[in-house]
């Protein structure tokens, strides 16, 4: 099987805008760029369908902010949990020293 070409968004946009200007046909542009005319038509259709997003990019910005806020809250939750667990471990170590005496780690082959 042949290698699948990957085209950047910038390249696709440039070619589609040229097609939209109408100075050259899709076939002519596709031949010059060595791409399939059907693929260029699909890019053009997708470009037109998503054109409104150029004027309301705030949707993706709002989504990114929402995700960032959710991740921040999750991180804060994890940090609280780590703090809580650290306190528990320290308390357990202190109680172990009280119950088993200093040096219990070596006596009981404690890895920590």
PDB file of N, CA and C in Angstrom:
ATOM      1  N   UNK A   1       0.829  -1.179   0.000  1.00  0.00           N
ATOM      2  CA  UNK A   1       0.000   0.000   0.000  1.00  0.00           C
ATOM      3  C   UNK A   1       0.877   1.247   0.000  1.00  0.00           C
ATOM      4  N   UNK A   2       0.416   2.306  -0.647  1.00  0.00           N
ATOM      5  CA  UNK A   2       1.159   3.549  -0.699  1.00  0.00           C
ATOM      6  C   UNK A   2       1.046   4.333   0.603  1.00  0.00           C
ATOM      7  N   UNK A   3       1.971   5.240   0.759  1.00  0.00           N
ATOM      8  CA  UNK A   3       1.989   6.088   1.946  1.00  0.00           C
ATOM      9  C   UNK A   3       0.872   7.121   1.857  1.00  0.00           C
ATOM     10  N   UNK A   4       0.142   7.282   2.956  1.00  0.00           N
ATOM     11  CA  UNK A   4      -0.946   8.253   2.987  1.00  0.00           C
ATOM     12  C   UNK A   4      -0.363   9.637   3.265  1.00  0.00           C
ATOM     13  N   UNK A   5      -0.688  10.589   2.398  1.00  0.00           N
ATOM     14  CA  UNK A   5      -0.212  11.955   2.595  1.00  0.00           C
ATOM     15  C   UNK A   5      -1.021  12.637   3.690  1.00  0.00           C
ATOM     16  N   UNK A   6      -0.327  13.433   4.478  1.00  0.00           N
ATOM     17  CA  UNK A   6      -0.978  14.225   5.510  1.00  0.00           C
ATOM     18  C   UNK A   6      -0.740  15.686   5.164  1.00  0.00           C
ATOM     19  N   UNK A   7      -1.815  16.441   5.071  1.00  0.00           N
ATOM     20  CA  UNK A   7      -1.724  17.838   4.682  1.00  0.00           C
ATOM     21  C   UNK A   7      -2.069  18.721   5.879  1.00  0.00           C
ATOM     22  N   UNK A   8      -1.331  19.792   6.029  1.00  0.00           N
ATOM     23  CA  UNK A   8      -1.580  20.705   7.146  1.00  0.00           C
ATOM     24  C   UNK A   8      -2.865  21.491   6.905  1.00  0.00           C
ATOM     25  N   UNK A   9      -3.421  21.997   7.979  1.00  0.00           N
ATOM     26  CA  UNK A   9      -4.629  22.821   7.888  1.00  0.00           C
ATOM     27  C   UNK A   9      -4.349  24.087   7.076  1.00  0.00           C
ATOM     28  N   UNK A  10      -3.149  24.619   7.214  1.00  0.00           N
ATOM     29  CA  UNK A  10      -2.788  25.832   6.476  1.00  0.00           C
ATOM     30  C   UNK A  10      -2.772  25.560   4.969  1.00  0.00           C
ATOM     31  N   UNK A  11      -2.191  24.431   4.594  1.00  0.00           N
ATOM     32  CA  UNK A  11      -2.128  24.069   3.176  1.00  0.00           C
ATOM     33  C   UNK A  11      -3.533  23.876   2.618  1.00  0.00           C
ATOM     34  N   UNK A  12      -4.353  23.113   3.339  1.00  0.00           N
ATOM     35  CA  UNK A  12      -5.721  22.859   2.880  1.00  0.00           C
ATOM     36  C   UNK A  12      -6.479  24.173   2.721  1.00  0.00           C
ATOM     37  N   UNK A  13      -6.342  25.062   3.713  1.00  0.00           N
ATOM     38  CA  UNK A  13      -7.046  26.348   3.659  1.00  0.00           C
ATOM     39  C   UNK A  13      -6.621  27.159   2.445  1.00  0.00           C
ATOM     40  N   UNK A  14      -5.318  27.199   2.193  1.00  0.00           N
ATOM     41  CA  UNK A  14      -4.798  27.970   1.055  1.00  0.00           C
ATOM     42  C   UNK A  14      -5.371  27.452  -0.260  1.00  0.00           C
ATOM     43  N   UNK A  15      -5.386  26.132  -0.405  1.00  0.00           N
ATOM     44  CA  UNK A  15      -5.872  25.520  -1.645  1.00  0.00           C
ATOM     45  C   UNK A  15      -7.385  25.732  -1.791  1.00  0.00           C
ATOM     46  N   UNK A  16      -8.121  25.567  -0.699  1.00  0.00           N
ATOM     47  CA  UNK A  16      -9.580  25.746  -0.747  1.00  0.00           C
ATOM     48  C   UNK A  16      -9.933  27.192  -1.061  1.00  0.00           C
ATOM     49  N   UNK A  17      -9.231  28.133  -0.466  1.00  0.00           N
ATOM     50  CA  UNK A  17      -9.500  29.550  -0.750  1.00  0.00           C
ATOM     51  C   UNK A  17      -9.247  29.848  -2.223  1.00  0.00           C
ATOM     52  N   UNK A  18      -8.194  29.267  -2.742  1.00  0.00           N
ATOM     53  CA  UNK A  18      -7.929  29.440  -4.183  1.00  0.00           C
ATOM     54  C   UNK A  18      -9.081  28.871  -5.005  1.00  0.00           C
ATOM     55  N   UNK A  19      -9.603  27.719  -4.617  1.00  0.00           N
ATOM     56  CA  UNK A  19     -10.730  27.112  -5.335  1.00  0.00           C
ATOM     57  C   UNK A  19     -11.970  27.984  -5.219  1.00  0.00           C
ATOM     58  N   UNK A  20     -12.187  28.568  -4.046  1.00  0.00           N
ATOM     59  CA  UNK A  20     -13.357  29.427  -3.834  1.00  0.00           C
ATOM     60  C   UNK A  20     -13.281  30.716  -4.651  1.00  0.00           C
ATOM     61  N   UNK A  21     -12.073  31.197  -4.906  1.00  0.00           N
ATOM     62  CA  UNK A  21     -11.916  32.417  -5.691  1.00  0.00           C
ATOM     63  C   UNK A  21     -12.363  32.211  -7.135  1.00  0.00           C
ATOM     64  N   UNK A  22     -12.333  30.958  -7.600  1.00  0.00           N
ATOM     65  CA  UNK A  22     -12.890  30.637  -8.908  1.00  0.00           C
ATOM     66  C   UNK A  22     -12.042  30.973 -10.106  1.00  0.00           C
ATOM     67  N   UNK A  23     -10.815  31.428  -9.910  1.00  0.00           N
ATOM     68  CA  UNK A  23      -9.965  31.757 -11.045  1.00  0.00           C
ATOM     69  C   UNK A  23      -9.519  30.502 -11.786  1.00  0.00           C
ATOM     70  N   UNK A  24      -9.387  29.401 -11.044  1.00  0.00           N
ATOM     71  CA  UNK A  24      -9.027  28.115 -11.641  1.00  0.00           C
ATOM     72  C   UNK A  24     -10.021  27.084 -11.143  1.00  0.00           C
ATOM     73  N   UNK A  25     -10.240  26.078 -11.954  1.00  0.00           N
ATOM     74  CA  UNK A  25     -11.184  25.025 -11.564  1.00  0.00           C
ATOM     75  C   UNK A  25     -10.548  24.106 -10.524  1.00  0.00           C
ATOM     76  N   UNK A  26     -11.410  23.362  -9.847  1.00  0.00           N
ATOM     77  CA  UNK A  26     -10.933  22.396  -8.862  1.00  0.00           C
ATOM     78  C   UNK A  26     -10.011  21.388  -9.542  1.00  0.00           C
ATOM     79  N   UNK A  27     -10.372  20.972 -10.731  1.00  0.00           N
ATOM     80  CA  UNK A  27      -9.536  20.025 -11.482  1.00  0.00           C
ATOM     81  C   UNK A  27      -8.155  20.574 -11.769  1.00  0.00           C
ATOM     82  N   UNK A  28      -8.103  21.851 -12.166  1.00  0.00           N
ATOM     83  CA  UNK A  28      -6.807  22.466 -12.479  1.00  0.00           C
ATOM     84  C   UNK A  28      -5.929  22.564 -11.217  1.00  0.00           C
ATOM     85  N   UNK A  29      -6.548  23.001 -10.150  1.00  0.00           N
ATOM     86  CA  UNK A  29      -5.797  23.135  -8.890  1.00  0.00           C
ATOM     87  C   UNK A  29      -5.324  21.764  -8.407  1.00  0.00           C
ATOM     88  N   UNK A  30      -6.215  20.785  -8.468  1.00  0.00           N
ATOM     89  CA  UNK A  30      -5.878  19.432  -8.016  1.00  0.00           C
ATOM     90  C   UNK A  30      -4.728  18.858  -8.849  1.00  0.00           C
ATOM     91  N   UNK A  31      -4.765  19.067 -10.151  1.00  0.00           N
ATOM     92  CA  UNK A  31      -3.701  18.571 -11.028  1.00  0.00           C
ATOM     93  C   UNK A  31      -2.381  19.243 -10.679  1.00  0.00           C
ATOM     94  N   UNK A  32      -2.410  20.557 -10.545  1.00  0.00           N
ATOM     95  CA  UNK A  32      -1.194  21.298 -10.214  1.00  0.00           C
ATOM     96  C   UNK A  32      -0.608  20.847  -8.881  1.00  0.00           C
ATOM     97  N   UNK A  33      -1.470  20.611  -7.886  1.00  0.00           N
ATOM     98  CA  UNK A  33      -1.016  20.240  -6.548  1.00  0.00           C
ATOM     99  C   UNK A  33      -0.813  18.732  -6.385  1.00  0.00           C
ATOM    100  N   UNK A  34      -1.130  17.990  -7.431  1.00  0.00           N
ATOM    101  CA  UNK A  34      -1.001  16.534  -7.421  1.00  0.00           C
ATOM    102  C   UNK A  34      -1.833  15.901  -6.294  1.00  0.00           C
ATOM    103  N   UNK A  35      -3.085  16.356  -6.207  1.00  0.00           N
ATOM    104  CA  UNK A  35      -4.024  15.785  -5.236  1.00  0.00           C
ATOM    105  C   UNK A  35      -5.289  15.354  -5.977  1.00  0.00           C
ATOM    106  N   UNK A  36      -6.057  14.515  -5.365  1.00  0.00           N
ATOM    107  CA  UNK A  36      -7.290  14.005  -5.957  1.00  0.00           C
ATOM    108  C   UNK A  36      -8.354  15.106  -5.950  1.00  0.00           C
ATOM    109  N   UNK A  37      -9.011  15.371  -7.068  1.00  0.00           N
ATOM    110  CA  UNK A  37     -10.044  16.409  -7.110  1.00  0.00           C
ATOM    111  C   UNK A  37     -11.180  16.160  -6.113  1.00  0.00           C
ATOM    112  N   UNK A  38     -11.518  14.904  -5.884  1.00  0.00           N
ATOM    113  CA  UNK A  38     -12.573  14.584  -4.916  1.00  0.00           C
ATOM    114  C   UNK A  38     -12.157  15.011  -3.511  1.00  0.00           C
ATOM    115  N   UNK A  39     -10.889  14.794  -3.197  1.00  0.00           N
ATOM    116  CA  UNK A  39     -10.385  15.204  -1.893  1.00  0.00           C
ATOM    117  C   UNK A  39     -10.487  16.728  -1.748  1.00  0.00           C
ATOM    118  N   UNK A  40     -10.125  17.449  -2.779  1.00  0.00           N
ATOM    119  CA  UNK A  40     -10.216  18.913  -2.755  1.00  0.00           C
ATOM    120  C   UNK A  40     -11.674  19.356  -2.588  1.00  0.00           C
ATOM    121  N   UNK A  41     -12.596  18.685  -3.275  1.00  0.00           N
ATOM    122  CA  UNK A  41     -14.026  19.006  -3.115  1.00  0.00           C
ATOM    123  C   UNK A  41     -14.467  18.764  -1.671  1.00  0.00           C
ATOM    124  N   UNK A  42     -14.001  17.673  -1.078  1.00  0.00           N
ATOM    125  CA  UNK A  42     -14.337  17.380   0.325  1.00  0.00           C
ATOM    126  C   UNK A  42     -13.782  18.448   1.267  1.00  0.00           C
ATOM    127  N   UNK A  43     -12.547  18.876   1.008  1.00  0.00           N
ATOM    128  CA  UNK A  43     -11.958  19.939   1.820  1.00  0.00           C
ATOM    129  C   UNK A  43     -12.794  21.214   1.700  1.00  0.00           C
ATOM    130  N   UNK A  44     -13.216  21.512   0.485  1.00  0.00           N
ATOM    131  CA  UNK A  44     -14.014  22.718   0.237  1.00  0.00           C
ATOM    132  C   UNK A  44     -15.344  22.634   0.996  1.00  0.00           C
ATOM    133  N   UNK A  45     -15.998  21.484   0.923  1.00  0.00           N
ATOM    134  CA  UNK A  45     -17.272  21.289   1.630  1.00  0.00           C
ATOM    135  C   UNK A  45     -17.083  21.451   3.135  1.00  0.00           C
ATOM    136  N   UNK A  46     -16.016  20.838   3.671  1.00  0.00           N
ATOM    137  CA  UNK A  46     -15.735  20.933   5.104  1.00  0.00           C
ATOM    138  C   UNK A  46     -15.419  22.378   5.499  1.00  0.00           C
ATOM    139  N   UNK A  47     -14.649  23.054   4.657  1.00  0.00           N
ATOM    140  CA  UNK A  47     -14.271  24.442   4.911  1.00  0.00           C
ATOM    141  C   UNK A  47     -15.519  25.321   5.010  1.00  0.00           C
ATOM    142  N   UNK A  48     -16.411  25.157   4.063  1.00  0.00           N
ATOM    143  CA  UNK A  48     -17.635  25.969   4.040  1.00  0.00           C
ATOM    144  C   UNK A  48     -18.523  25.628   5.238  1.00  0.00           C
ATOM    145  N   UNK A  49     -18.625  24.359   5.562  1.00  0.00           N
ATOM    146  CA  UNK A  49     -19.468  23.931   6.686  1.00  0.00           C
ATOM    147  C   UNK A  49     -18.955  24.495   8.015  1.00  0.00           C
ATOM    148  N   UNK A  50     -17.650  24.700   8.109  1.00  0.00           N
ATOM    149  CA  UNK A  50     -17.075  25.180   9.361  1.00  0.00           C
ATOM    150  C   UNK A  50     -16.722  26.660   9.341  1.00  0.00           C
ATOM    151  N   UNK A  51     -17.117  27.355   8.294  1.00  0.00           N
ATOM    152  CA  UNK A  51     -16.771  28.767   8.153  1.00  0.00           C
ATOM    153  C   UNK A  51     -17.303  29.614   9.305  1.00  0.00           C
ATOM    154  N   UNK A  52     -18.480  29.287   9.807  1.00  0.00           N
ATOM    155  CA  UNK A  52     -19.067  30.078  10.896  1.00  0.00           C
ATOM    156  C   UNK A  52     -18.201  30.046  12.150  1.00  0.00           C
ATOM    157  N   UNK A  53     -17.415  28.990  12.327  1.00  0.00           N
ATOM    158  CA  UNK A  53     -16.557  28.893  13.507  1.00  0.00           C
ATOM    159  C   UNK A  53     -15.497  29.984  13.545  1.00  0.00           C
ATOM    160  N   UNK A  54     -15.185  30.550  12.398  1.00  0.00           N
ATOM    161  CA  UNK A  54     -14.211  31.645  12.361  1.00  0.00           C
ATOM    162  C   UNK A  54     -14.727  32.856  13.122  1.00  0.00           C
ATOM    163  N   UNK A  55     -16.048  32.968  13.251  1.00  0.00           N
ATOM    164  CA  UNK A  55     -16.640  34.123  13.909  1.00  0.00           C
ATOM    165  C   UNK A  55     -17.121  33.836  15.319  1.00  0.00           C
ATOM    166  N   UNK A  56     -17.118  32.599  15.702  1.00  0.00           N
ATOM    167  CA  UNK A  56     -17.495  32.290  17.077  1.00  0.00           C
ATOM    168  C   UNK A  56     -16.514  31.293  17.681  1.00  0.00           C
ATOM    169  N   UNK A  57     -15.241  31.574  17.526  1.00  0.00           N
ATOM    170  CA  UNK A  57     -14.197  30.734  18.092  1.00  0.00           C
ATOM    171  C   UNK A  57     -14.316  30.622  19.598  1.00  0.00           C
ATOM    172  N   UNK A  58     -15.190  31.460  20.184  1.00  0.00           N
ATOM    173  CA  UNK A  58     -15.346  31.443  21.634  1.00  0.00           C
ATOM    174  C   UNK A  58     -15.878  30.103  22.127  1.00  0.00           C
ATOM    175  N   UNK A  59     -16.573  29.346  21.269  1.00  0.00           N
ATOM    176  CA  UNK A  59     -17.059  28.035  21.697  1.00  0.00           C
ATOM    177  C   UNK A  59     -15.898  27.141  22.087  1.00  0.00           C
ATOM    178  N   UNK A  60     -14.896  27.072  21.223  1.00  0.00           N
ATOM    179  CA  UNK A  60     -13.747  26.220  21.542  1.00  0.00           C
ATOM    180  C   UNK A  60     -12.958  26.799  22.706  1.00  0.00           C
ATOM    181  N   UNK A  61     -12.905  28.123  22.805  1.00  0.00           N
ATOM    182  CA  UNK A  61     -12.229  28.752  23.938  1.00  0.00           C
ATOM    183  C   UNK A  61     -12.969  28.444  25.238  1.00  0.00           C
ATOM    184  N   UNK A  62     -14.299  28.510  25.199  1.00  0.00           N
ATOM    185  CA  UNK A  62     -15.084  28.197  26.387  1.00  0.00           C
ATOM    186  C   UNK A  62     -14.888  26.746  26.789  1.00  0.00           C
ATOM    187  N   UNK A  63     -14.866  25.857  25.796  1.00  0.00           N
ATOM    188  CA  UNK A  63     -14.651  24.432  26.070  1.00  0.00           C
ATOM    189  C   UNK A  63     -13.279  24.204  26.685  1.00  0.00           C
ATOM    190  N   UNK A  64     -12.255  24.878  26.135  1.00  0.00           N
ATOM    191  CA  UNK A  64     -10.894  24.743  26.665  1.00  0.00           C
ATOM    192  C   UNK A  64     -10.826  25.260  28.099  1.00  0.00           C
ATOM    193  N   UNK A  65     -11.498  26.386  28.374  1.00  0.00           N
ATOM    194  CA  UNK A  65     -11.518  26.935  29.738  1.00  0.00           C
ATOM    195  C   UNK A  65     -12.241  25.992  30.687  1.00  0.00           C
ATOM    196  N   UNK A  66     -13.341  25.399  30.211  1.00  0.00           N
ATOM    197  CA  UNK A  66     -14.095  24.471  31.045  1.00  0.00           C
ATOM    198  C   UNK A  66     -13.245  23.248  31.397  1.00  0.00           C
ATOM    199  N   UNK A  67     -12.551  22.734  30.405  1.00  0.00           N
ATOM    200  CA  UNK A  67     -11.688  21.573  30.636  1.00  0.00           C
ATOM    201  C   UNK A  67     -10.545  21.936  31.585  1.00  0.00           C
ATOM    202  N   UNK A  68      -9.937  23.107  31.372  1.00  0.00           N
ATOM    203  CA  UNK A  68      -8.843  23.546  32.238  1.00  0.00           C
ATOM    204  C   UNK A  68      -9.318  23.701  33.681  1.00  0.00           C
ATOM    205  N   UNK A  69     -10.501  24.266  33.869  1.00  0.00           N
ATOM    206  CA  UNK A  69     -11.045  24.435  35.214  1.00  0.00           C
ATOM    207  C   UNK A  69     -11.325  23.079  35.862  1.00  0.00           C
ATOM    208  N   UNK A  70     -11.857  22.160  35.088  1.00  0.00           N
ATOM    209  CA  UNK A  70     -12.133  20.813  35.596  1.00  0.00           C
ATOM    210  C   UNK A  70     -10.827  20.129  36.012  1.00  0.00           C
ATOM    211  N   UNK A  71      -9.795  20.253  35.177  1.00  0.00           N
ATOM    212  CA  UNK A  71      -8.490  19.657  35.497  1.00  0.00           C
ATOM    213  C   UNK A  71      -7.884  20.308  36.737  1.00  0.00           C
ATOM    214  N   UNK A  72      -8.051  21.621  36.876  1.00  0.00           N
ATOM    215  CA  UNK A  72      -7.530  22.335  38.049  1.00  0.00           C
ATOM    216  C   UNK A  72      -8.200  21.823  39.318  1.00  0.00           C
ATOM    217  N   UNK A  73      -9.526  21.660  39.275  1.00  0.00           N
ATOM    218  CA  UNK A  73     -10.254  21.151  40.439  1.00  0.00           C
ATOM    219  C   UNK A  73      -9.826  19.732  40.772  1.00  0.00           C
ATOM    220  N   UNK A  74      -9.621  18.913  39.733  1.00  0.00           N
ATOM    221  CA  UNK A  74      -9.181  17.532  39.951  1.00  0.00           C
ATOM    222  C   UNK A  74      -7.794  17.513  40.595  1.00  0.00           C
ATOM    223  N   UNK A  75      -6.903  18.370  40.108  1.00  0.00           N
ATOM    224  CA  UNK A  75      -5.544  18.452  40.665  1.00  0.00           C
ATOM    225  C   UNK A  75      -5.601  18.883  42.129  1.00  0.00           C
ATOM    226  N   UNK A  76      -6.436  19.885  42.434  1.00  0.00           N
ATOM    227  CA  UNK A  76      -6.572  20.342  43.815  1.00  0.00           C
ATOM    228  C   UNK A  76      -7.101  19.225  44.703  1.00  0.00           C
ATOM    229  N   UNK A  77      -8.051  18.452  44.181  1.00  0.00           N
ATOM    230  CA  UNK A  77      -8.596  17.324  44.925  1.00  0.00           C
ATOM    231  C   UNK A  77      -7.510  16.286  45.211  1.00  0.00           C
ATOM    232  N   UNK A  78      -6.704  16.000  44.213  1.00  0.00           N
ATOM    233  CA  UNK A  78      -5.614  15.042  44.397  1.00  0.00           C
ATOM    234  C   UNK A  78      -4.586  15.552  45.397  1.00  0.00           C
ATOM    235  N   UNK A  79      -4.291  16.853  45.334  1.00  0.00           N
ATOM    236  CA  UNK A  79      -3.338  17.435  46.283  1.00  0.00           C
ATOM    237  C   UNK A  79      -3.865  17.344  47.712  1.00  0.00           C
ATOM    238  N   UNK A  80      -5.162  17.590  47.893  1.00  0.00           N
ATOM    239  CA  UNK A  80      -5.764  17.441  49.236  1.00  0.00           C
ATOM    240  C   UNK A  80      -5.658  16.004  49.715  1.00  0.00           C
ATOM    241  N   UNK A  81      -5.924  15.064  48.803  1.00  0.00           N
ATOM    242  CA  UNK A  81      -5.853  13.642  49.144  1.00  0.00           C
ATOM    243  C   UNK A  81      -4.426  13.254  49.530  1.00  0.00           C
ATOM    244  N   UNK A  82      -3.437  13.734  48.785  1.00  0.00           N
ATOM    245  CA  UNK A  82      -2.040  13.447  49.108  1.00  0.00           C
ATOM    246  C   UNK A  82      -1.702  14.018  50.486  1.00  0.00           C
ATOM    247  N   UNK A  83      -2.153  15.235  50.759  1.00  0.00           N
ATOM    248  CA  UNK A  83      -1.919  15.837  52.077  1.00  0.00           C
ATOM    249  C   UNK A  83      -2.547  15.005  53.182  1.00  0.00           C
ATOM    250  N   UNK A  84      -3.765  14.570  52.971  1.00  0.00           N
ATOM    251  CA  UNK A  84      -4.474  13.757  53.960  1.00  0.00           C
ATOM    252  C   UNK A  84      -3.745  12.433  54.191  1.00  0.00           C
ATOM    253  N   UNK A  85      -3.349  11.775  53.111  1.00  0.00           N
ATOM    254  CA  UNK A  85      -2.645  10.501  53.233  1.00  0.00           C
ATOM    255  C   UNK A  85      -1.278  10.677  53.894  1.00  0.00           C
ATOM    256  N   UNK A  86      -0.597  11.777  53.600  1.00  0.00           N
ATOM    257  CA  UNK A  86       0.691  12.056  54.235  1.00  0.00           C
ATOM    258  C   UNK A  86       0.518  12.201  55.742  1.00  0.00           C
ATOM    259  N   UNK A  87      -0.532  12.911  56.145  1.00  0.00           N
ATOM    260  CA  UNK A  87      -0.805  13.060  57.579  1.00  0.00           C
ATOM    261  C   UNK A  87      -1.068  11.700  58.217  1.00  0.00           C
ATOM    262  N   UNK A  88      -1.819  10.848  57.539  1.00  0.00           N
ATOM    263  CA  UNK A  88      -2.110   9.516  58.079  1.00  0.00           C
ATOM    264  C   UNK A  88      -0.843   8.681  58.210  1.00  0.00           C
ATOM    265  N   UNK A  89       0.014   8.722  57.205  1.00  0.00           N
ATOM    266  CA  UNK A  89       1.263   7.954  57.254  1.00  0.00           C
ATOM    267  C   UNK A  89       2.135   8.450  58.409  1.00  0.00           C
ATOM    268  N   UNK A  90       2.238   9.767  58.544  1.00  0.00           N
ATOM    269  CA  UNK A  90       3.047  10.319  59.635  1.00  0.00           C
ATOM    270  C   UNK A  90       2.487   9.909  61.000  1.00  0.00           C
ATOM    271  N   UNK A  91       1.159   9.933  61.137  1.00  0.00           N
ATOM    272  CA  UNK A  91       0.525   9.520  62.386  1.00  0.00           C
ATOM    273  C   UNK A  91       0.807   8.041  62.666  1.00  0.00           C
ATOM    274  N   UNK A  92       0.684   7.219  61.615  1.00  0.00           N
ATOM    275  CA  UNK A  92       0.945   5.787  61.780  1.00  0.00           C
ATOM    276  C   UNK A  92       2.402   5.516  62.158  1.00  0.00           C
ATOM    277  N   UNK A  93       3.330   6.251  61.574  1.00  0.00           N
ATOM    278  CA  UNK A  93       4.740   6.088  61.932  1.00  0.00           C
ATOM    279  C   UNK A  93       4.968   6.455  63.394  1.00  0.00           C
ATOM    280  N   UNK A  94       4.357   7.551  63.818  1.00  0.00           N
ATOM    281  CA  UNK A  94       4.499   7.993  65.208  1.00  0.00           C
ATOM    282  C   UNK A  94       3.932   6.930  66.152  1.00  0.00           C
ATOM    283  N   UNK A  95       2.747   6.420  65.849  1.00  0.00           N
ATOM    284  CA  UNK A  95       2.122   5.400  66.695  1.00  0.00           C
ATOM    285  C   UNK A  95       2.929   4.101  66.675  1.00  0.00           C
ATOM    286  N   UNK A  96       3.506   3.771  65.511  1.00  0.00           N
ATOM    287  CA  UNK A  96       4.340   2.568  65.425  1.00  0.00           C
ATOM    288  C   UNK A  96       5.573   2.717  66.308  1.00  0.00           C
ATOM    289  N   UNK A  97       6.170   3.918  66.306  1.00  0.00           N
ATOM    290  CA  UNK A  97       7.317   4.165  67.194  1.00  0.00           C
ATOM    291  C   UNK A  97       6.903   4.004  68.657  1.00  0.00           C
ATOM    292  N   UNK A  98       5.700   4.519  69.003  1.00  0.00           N
ATOM    293  CA  UNK A  98       5.221   4.407  70.380  1.00  0.00           C
ATOM    294  C   UNK A  98       4.959   2.950  70.765  1.00  0.00           C
ATOM    295  N   UNK A  99       4.366   2.180  69.853  1.00  0.00           N
ATOM    296  CA  UNK A  99       4.000   0.794  70.159  1.00  0.00           C
ATOM    297  C   UNK A  99       5.183  -0.173  70.086  1.00  0.00           C
ATOM    298  N   UNK A 100       6.008  -0.011  69.037  1.00  0.00           N
ATOM    299  CA  UNK A 100       7.060  -0.996  68.787  1.00  0.00           C
ATOM    300  C   UNK A 100       8.450  -0.493  69.145  1.00  0.00           C
ATOM    301  N   UNK A 101       8.559   0.759  69.483  1.00  0.00           N
ATOM    302  CA  UNK A 101       9.852   1.334  69.828  1.00  0.00           C
ATOM    303  C   UNK A 101      10.604   1.820  68.601  1.00  0.00           C
ATOM    304  N   UNK A 102      11.570   2.661  68.877  1.00  0.00           N
ATOM    305  CA  UNK A 102      12.382   3.228  67.805  1.00  0.00           C
ATOM    306  C   UNK A 102      13.145   2.106  67.107  1.00  0.00           C
ATOM    307  N   UNK A 103      13.294   2.178  65.809  1.00  0.00           N
ATOM    308  CA  UNK A 103      14.013   1.171  65.043  1.00  0.00           C
ATOM    309  C   UNK A 103      13.152  -0.005  64.620  1.00  0.00           C
ATOM    310  N   UNK A 104      11.838   0.110  64.768  1.00  0.00           N
ATOM    311  CA  UNK A 104      10.937  -0.983  64.393  1.00  0.00           C
ATOM    312  C   UNK A 104      11.012  -1.314  62.912  1.00  0.00           C
ATOM    313  N   UNK A 105      11.392  -0.305  62.091  1.00  0.00           N
ATOM    314  CA  UNK A 105      11.455  -0.523  60.653  1.00  0.00           C
ATOM    315  C   UNK A 105      12.449  -1.637  60.307  1.00  0.00           C
ATOM    316  N   UNK A 106      13.641  -1.596  60.927  1.00  0.00           N
ATOM    317  CA  UNK A 106      14.644  -2.627  60.650  1.00  0.00           C
ATOM    318  C   UNK A 106      14.227  -3.954  61.254  1.00  0.00           C
ATOM    319  N   UNK A 107      13.661  -3.891  62.449  1.00  0.00           N
ATOM    320  CA  UNK A 107      13.252  -5.118  63.147  1.00  0.00           C
ATOM    321  C   UNK A 107      12.209  -5.909  62.364  1.00  0.00           C
ATOM    322  N   UNK A 108      11.261  -5.195  61.724  1.00  0.00           N
ATOM    323  CA  UNK A 108      10.186  -5.843  60.980  1.00  0.00           C
ATOM    324  C   UNK A 108      10.377  -5.781  59.472  1.00  0.00           C
ATOM    325  N   UNK A 109      11.602  -5.452  59.052  1.00  0.00           N
ATOM    326  CA  UNK A 109      11.954  -5.416  57.630  1.00  0.00           C
ATOM    327  C   UNK A 109      11.004  -4.518  56.836  1.00  0.00           C
ATOM    328  N   UNK A 110      10.778  -3.307  57.366  1.00  0.00           N
ATOM    329  CA  UNK A 110       9.915  -2.315  56.694  1.00  0.00           C
ATOM    330  C   UNK A 110      10.694  -1.676  55.538  1.00  0.00           C
ATOM    331  N   UNK A 111      10.134  -1.702  54.318  1.00  0.00           N
ATOM    332  CA  UNK A 111      10.860  -1.209  53.144  1.00  0.00           C
ATOM    333  C   UNK A 111      10.954   0.316  53.069  1.00  0.00           C
ATOM    334  N   UNK A 112      10.078   1.051  53.743  1.00  0.00           N
ATOM    335  CA  UNK A 112      10.002   2.505  53.595  1.00  0.00           C
ATOM    336  C   UNK A 112      11.048   3.209  54.321  1.00  0.00           C
TER     337      UNK A 112
END
